[in-house]
Amino acid sequence: MLPRSPTGQDMMLRWVLFALFFGICASAGEQKRKTPTPQSLSRGWGDGITWIKSYEDGLAKMAKSQKPLMVIHHKKGCPHSEALRKSFSSDKSIQKMAKQDFLMLNVVEETTDTNMAPDGYYVPRILFVDPSKAVRNDITGKYSERLFTYDPKDMGLLAKNMKKAKLLMHNEL
């Protein structure tokens, strides 16, 4: 018995099934791409840390908590910011101090407060603000041309400066 050749109706049914299958697959792929991932305030700097939403929010919460505010200025896609973020997030002692002893804020957009850029608008930079709302210009990194920047290899200095910020805050209250 010879196989029968498909009729016009059979061909139409095959094309409809093919189009339906193709449409289902395409829409499933599009749904996966459109599903937004929740944006964590940590932005990869430490998921175990409670992060403040804004600079103004941090200033308001400082008075109640009596903890210094640590502000990390960075840019998404900046290789220096990304390298610092990886070192910061993997350093256990820094993560512990950040979680327990500081109000933490990381910003990708500049604040309007010019005190947050005492030596210029560059990234990455890390500043400490005490509960009197004074930016601690005396707590700096090791670079004279960009006082508030840290390299990934400077985590020891950053930890030392975090301890200094905490001690100064307690001694000045």
C-alpha atoms as a PDB file:
ATOM      1  CA  MET A   1       0.000   0.000   0.000  1.00  0.00           C
ATOM      2  CA  LEU A   2       1.412   3.365  -0.956  1.00  0.00           C
ATOM      3  CA  PRO A   3       1.401   6.186   1.555  1.00  0.00           C
ATOM      4  CA  ARG A   4      -1.310   8.605   0.755  1.00  0.00           C
ATOM      5  CA  SER A   5      -0.281  12.098  -0.161  1.00  0.00           C
ATOM      6  CA  PRO A   6      -1.395  14.824   2.249  1.00  0.00           C
ATOM      7  CA  THR A   7      -4.503  16.650   1.312  1.00  0.00           C
ATOM      8  CA  GLY A   8      -4.854  20.377   1.440  1.00  0.00           C
ATOM      9  CA  GLN A   9      -6.684  20.038   4.729  1.00  0.00           C
ATOM     10  CA  ASP A  10      -3.838  17.941   6.237  1.00  0.00           C
ATOM     11  CA  MET A  11      -1.245  20.502   5.121  1.00  0.00           C
ATOM     12  CA  MET A  12      -3.282  23.331   6.575  1.00  0.00           C
ATOM     13  CA  LEU A  13      -3.590  21.473   9.903  1.00  0.00           C
ATOM     14  CA  ARG A  14       0.195  20.902   9.993  1.00  0.00           C
ATOM     15  CA  TRP A  15       0.908  24.601   9.359  1.00  0.00           C
ATOM     16  CA  VAL A  16      -1.587  25.674  12.013  1.00  0.00           C
ATOM     17  CA  LEU A  17      -0.015  23.286  14.555  1.00  0.00           C
ATOM     18  CA  PHE A  18       3.470  24.469  13.588  1.00  0.00           C
ATOM     19  CA  ALA A  19       2.477  28.145  13.938  1.00  0.00           C
ATOM     20  CA  LEU A  20       0.768  27.452  17.267  1.00  0.00           C
ATOM     21  CA  PHE A  21       3.815  25.582  18.604  1.00  0.00           C
ATOM     22  CA  PHE A  22       6.168  28.328  17.365  1.00  0.00           C
ATOM     23  CA  GLY A  23       4.011  31.050  18.928  1.00  0.00           C
ATOM     24  CA  ILE A  24       3.881  29.289  22.310  1.00  0.00           C
ATOM     25  CA  CYS A  25       7.669  28.808  22.357  1.00  0.00           C
ATOM     26  CA  ALA A  26       8.340  32.400  21.334  1.00  0.00           C
ATOM     27  CA  SER A  27       6.004  33.843  23.946  1.00  0.00           C
ATOM     28  CA  ALA A  28       7.510  31.661  26.697  1.00  0.00           C
ATOM     29  CA  GLY A  29      10.983  32.919  25.812  1.00  0.00           C
ATOM     30  CA  GLU A  30       9.758  36.513  25.806  1.00  0.00           C
ATOM     31  CA  GLN A  31       8.136  36.085  29.229  1.00  0.00           C
ATOM     32  CA  LYS A  32      11.430  34.838  30.649  1.00  0.00           C
ATOM     33  CA  ARG A  33      13.236  37.906  29.313  1.00  0.00           C
ATOM     34  CA  LYS A  34      10.604  40.309  30.622  1.00  0.00           C
ATOM     35  CA  THR A  35      10.514  38.880  34.151  1.00  0.00           C
ATOM     36  CA  PRO A  36      12.293  41.571  36.160  1.00  0.00           C
ATOM     37  CA  THR A  37      14.770  40.493  38.768  1.00  0.00           C
ATOM     38  CA  PRO A  38      14.187  42.331  42.015  1.00  0.00           C
ATOM     39  CA  GLN A  39      16.753  45.083  42.493  1.00  0.00           C
ATOM     40  CA  SER A  40      18.398  44.634  45.848  1.00  0.00           C
ATOM     41  CA  LEU A  41      19.675  47.747  47.580  1.00  0.00           C
ATOM     42  CA  SER A  42      22.935  45.866  48.157  1.00  0.00           C
ATOM     43  CA  ARG A  43      23.734  45.935  44.425  1.00  0.00           C
ATOM     44  CA  GLY A  44      26.210  43.144  45.151  1.00  0.00           C
ATOM     45  CA  TRP A  45      28.036  44.918  47.997  1.00  0.00           C
ATOM     46  CA  GLY A  46      26.745  42.525  50.670  1.00  0.00           C
ATOM     47  CA  ASP A  47      23.341  40.898  50.837  1.00  0.00           C
ATOM     48  CA  GLY A  48      23.619  40.321  54.602  1.00  0.00           C
ATOM     49  CA  ILE A  49      23.804  44.075  55.240  1.00  0.00           C
ATOM     50  CA  THR A  50      20.776  46.303  55.754  1.00  0.00           C
ATOM     51  CA  TRP A  51      21.161  49.058  53.161  1.00  0.00           C
ATOM     52  CA  ILE A  52      19.663  52.543  53.418  1.00  0.00           C
ATOM     53  CA  LYS A  53      17.537  53.716  50.467  1.00  0.00           C
ATOM     54  CA  SER A  54      18.901  57.261  50.145  1.00  0.00           C
ATOM     55  CA  TYR A  55      21.363  59.727  51.599  1.00  0.00           C
ATOM     56  CA  GLU A  56      18.536  61.712  53.182  1.00  0.00           C
ATOM     57  CA  ASP A  57      17.127  58.531  54.724  1.00  0.00           C
ATOM     58  CA  GLY A  58      20.569  57.726  56.123  1.00  0.00           C
ATOM     59  CA  LEU A  59      20.915  61.167  57.701  1.00  0.00           C
ATOM     60  CA  ALA A  60      17.501  60.779  59.342  1.00  0.00           C
ATOM     61  CA  LYS A  61      18.258  57.293  60.690  1.00  0.00           C
ATOM     62  CA  MET A  62      21.696  58.260  62.018  1.00  0.00           C
ATOM     63  CA  ALA A  63      20.319  60.356  64.856  1.00  0.00           C
ATOM     64  CA  LYS A  64      18.236  57.444  66.156  1.00  0.00           C
ATOM     65  CA  SER A  65      20.858  54.730  65.715  1.00  0.00           C
ATOM     66  CA  GLN A  66      23.947  56.705  66.790  1.00  0.00           C
ATOM     67  CA  LYS A  67      25.890  54.789  64.146  1.00  0.00           C
ATOM     68  CA  PRO A  68      28.054  56.444  61.504  1.00  0.00           C
ATOM     69  CA  LEU A  69      26.909  56.381  57.900  1.00  0.00           C
ATOM     70  CA  MET A  70      29.232  54.813  55.344  1.00  0.00           C
ATOM     71  CA  VAL A  71      28.519  56.004  51.804  1.00  0.00           C
ATOM     72  CA  ILE A  72      29.908  54.095  48.822  1.00  0.00           C
ATOM     73  CA  HIS A  73      29.760  55.986  45.523  1.00  0.00           C
ATOM     74  CA  HIS A  74      30.119  53.709  42.496  1.00  0.00           C
ATOM     75  CA  LYS A  75      28.962  53.237  38.912  1.00  0.00           C
ATOM     76  CA  LYS A  76      27.550  50.152  37.287  1.00  0.00           C
ATOM     77  CA  GLY A  77      29.915  48.960  34.580  1.00  0.00           C
ATOM     78  CA  CYS A  78      32.934  50.851  35.961  1.00  0.00           C
ATOM     79  CA  PRO A  79      35.785  48.315  36.196  1.00  0.00           C
ATOM     80  CA  HIS A  80      37.243  50.000  39.292  1.00  0.00           C
ATOM     81  CA  SER A  81      33.864  50.019  41.057  1.00  0.00           C
ATOM     82  CA  GLU A  82      33.228  46.391  40.120  1.00  0.00           C
ATOM     83  CA  ALA A  83      36.646  45.265  41.385  1.00  0.00           C
ATOM     84  CA  LEU A  84      36.177  47.129  44.673  1.00  0.00           C
ATOM     85  CA  ARG A  85      32.676  45.681  45.059  1.00  0.00           C
ATOM     86  CA  LYS A  86      34.019  42.127  44.701  1.00  0.00           C
ATOM     87  CA  SER A  87      36.735  42.697  47.312  1.00  0.00           C
ATOM     88  CA  PHE A  88      34.361  44.499  49.686  1.00  0.00           C
ATOM     89  CA  SER A  89      31.674  41.822  49.461  1.00  0.00           C
ATOM     90  CA  SER A  90      34.107  38.948  49.995  1.00  0.00           C
ATOM     91  CA  ASP A  91      35.926  40.432  53.023  1.00  0.00           C
ATOM     92  CA  LYS A  92      34.314  38.860  56.102  1.00  0.00           C
ATOM     93  CA  SER A  93      35.583  41.418  58.640  1.00  0.00           C
ATOM     94  CA  ILE A  94      34.387  44.365  56.540  1.00  0.00           C
ATOM     95  CA  GLN A  95      31.011  42.712  55.985  1.00  0.00           C
ATOM     96  CA  LYS A  96      30.650  42.077  59.724  1.00  0.00           C
ATOM     97  CA  MET A  97      31.506  45.669  60.690  1.00  0.00           C
ATOM     98  CA  ALA A  98      29.256  47.062  57.946  1.00  0.00           C
ATOM     99  CA  LYS A  99      26.361  44.945  59.194  1.00  0.00           C
ATOM    100  CA  GLN A 100      26.792  45.643  62.914  1.00  0.00           C
ATOM    101  CA  ASP A 101      28.393  49.056  63.311  1.00  0.00           C
ATOM    102  CA  PHE A 102      27.303  51.251  60.394  1.00  0.00           C
ATOM    103  CA  LEU A 103      24.351  52.525  58.483  1.00  0.00           C
ATOM    104  CA  MET A 104      25.233  51.580  54.935  1.00  0.00           C
ATOM    105  CA  LEU A 105      24.422  53.336  51.676  1.00  0.00           C
ATOM    106  CA  ASN A 106      25.714  52.628  48.199  1.00  0.00           C
ATOM    107  CA  VAL A 107      24.766  55.057  45.488  1.00  0.00           C
ATOM    108  CA  VAL A 108      25.110  54.932  41.745  1.00  0.00           C
ATOM    109  CA  GLU A 109      23.727  58.446  41.351  1.00  0.00           C
ATOM    110  CA  GLU A 110      25.403  61.465  42.884  1.00  0.00           C
ATOM    111  CA  THR A 111      23.751  63.220  45.795  1.00  0.00           C
ATOM    112  CA  THR A 112      23.049  66.929  45.657  1.00  0.00           C
ATOM    113  CA  ASP A 113      25.051  67.456  48.847  1.00  0.00           C
ATOM    114  CA  THR A 114      28.424  68.918  47.809  1.00  0.00           C
ATOM    115  CA  ASN A 115      29.883  67.721  51.114  1.00  0.00           C
ATOM    116  CA  MET A 116      29.731  64.222  49.648  1.00  0.00           C
ATOM    117  CA  ALA A 117      32.376  65.185  47.070  1.00  0.00           C
ATOM    118  CA  PRO A 118      35.015  67.026  49.122  1.00  0.00           C
ATOM    119  CA  ASP A 119      37.732  66.429  46.529  1.00  0.00           C
ATOM    120  CA  GLY A 120      35.648  65.824  43.408  1.00  0.00           C
ATOM    121  CA  TYR A 121      33.060  63.616  41.773  1.00  0.00           C
ATOM    122  CA  TYR A 122      34.792  60.345  40.952  1.00  0.00           C
ATOM    123  CA  VAL A 123      34.077  56.676  41.551  1.00  0.00           C
ATOM    124  CA  PRO A 124      34.598  54.617  43.473  1.00  0.00           C
ATOM    125  CA  ARG A 125      34.842  56.626  46.653  1.00  0.00           C
ATOM    126  CA  ILE A 126      33.879  55.862  50.234  1.00  0.00           C
ATOM    127  CA  LEU A 127      32.994  58.517  52.776  1.00  0.00           C
ATOM    128  CA  PHE A 128      32.032  58.367  56.436  1.00  0.00           C
ATOM    129  CA  VAL A 129      29.433  60.661  57.986  1.00  0.00           C
ATOM    130  CA  ASP A 130      29.095  60.942  61.748  1.00  0.00           C
ATOM    131  CA  PRO A 131      25.759  61.368  63.592  1.00  0.00           C
ATOM    132  CA  SER A 132      26.284  65.154  63.750  1.00  0.00           C
ATOM    133  CA  LYS A 133      25.967  64.912  59.925  1.00  0.00           C
ATOM    134  CA  ALA A 134      29.594  65.919  59.405  1.00  0.00           C
ATOM    135  CA  VAL A 135      31.469  64.230  56.575  1.00  0.00           C
ATOM    136  CA  ARG A 136      34.697  62.878  58.066  1.00  0.00           C
ATOM    137  CA  ASN A 137      37.343  64.409  55.799  1.00  0.00           C
ATOM    138  CA  ASP A 138      40.000  63.030  58.145  1.00  0.00           C
ATOM    139  CA  ILE A 139      39.226  59.400  57.229  1.00  0.00           C
ATOM    140  CA  THR A 140      40.795  58.855  53.822  1.00  0.00           C
ATOM    141  CA  GLY A 141      42.368  56.246  51.603  1.00  0.00           C
ATOM    142  CA  LYS A 142      46.022  56.271  50.616  1.00  0.00           C
ATOM    143  CA  TYR A 143      45.880  58.286  47.388  1.00  0.00           C
ATOM    144  CA  SER A 144      46.662  61.993  47.502  1.00  0.00           C
ATOM    145  CA  GLU A 145      44.890  62.841  44.235  1.00  0.00           C
ATOM    146  CA  ARG A 146      41.676  60.977  45.162  1.00  0.00           C
ATOM    147  CA  LEU A 147      41.499  60.951  48.919  1.00  0.00           C
ATOM    148  CA  PHE A 148      38.410  58.788  49.334  1.00  0.00           C
ATOM    149  CA  THR A 149      39.102  56.028  46.853  1.00  0.00           C
ATOM    150  CA  TYR A 150      40.150  52.488  47.688  1.00  0.00           C
ATOM    151  CA  ASP A 151      41.545  49.726  45.505  1.00  0.00           C
ATOM    152  CA  PRO A 152      40.607  46.072  45.927  1.00  0.00           C
ATOM    153  CA  LYS A 153      43.948  45.501  47.647  1.00  0.00           C
ATOM    154  CA  ASP A 154      43.149  48.246  50.222  1.00  0.00           C
ATOM    155  CA  MET A 155      40.647  46.228  52.272  1.00  0.00           C
ATOM    156  CA  GLY A 156      42.992  46.270  55.279  1.00  0.00           C
ATOM    157  CA  LEU A 157      43.103  50.081  55.170  1.00  0.00           C
ATOM    158  CA  LEU A 158      39.344  50.289  54.708  1.00  0.00           C
ATOM    159  CA  ALA A 159      38.786  48.019  57.728  1.00  0.00           C
ATOM    160  CA  LYS A 160      41.154  50.214  59.749  1.00  0.00           C
ATOM    161  CA  ASN A 161      39.252  53.339  58.648  1.00  0.00           C
ATOM    162  CA  MET A 162      35.926  51.737  59.545  1.00  0.00           C
ATOM    163  CA  LYS A 163      37.248  51.058  63.059  1.00  0.00           C
ATOM    164  CA  LYS A 164      38.529  54.643  63.220  1.00  0.00           C
ATOM    165  CA  ALA A 165      35.125  56.034  62.185  1.00  0.00           C
ATOM    166  CA  LYS A 166      33.423  53.928  64.833  1.00  0.00           C
ATOM    167  CA  LEU A 167      35.878  54.967  67.573  1.00  0.00           C
ATOM    168  CA  LEU A 168      35.765  58.661  66.655  1.00  0.00           C
ATOM    169  CA  MET A 169      31.991  58.603  66.734  1.00  0.00           C
ATOM    170  CA  HIS A 170      31.923  57.054  70.220  1.00  0.00           C
ATOM    171  CA  ASN A 171      34.641  59.368  71.568  1.00  0.00           C
ATOM    172  CA  GLU A 172      32.936  62.507  70.281  1.00  0.00           C
ATOM    173  CA  LEU A 173      29.471  61.788  71.669  1.00  0.00           C
END
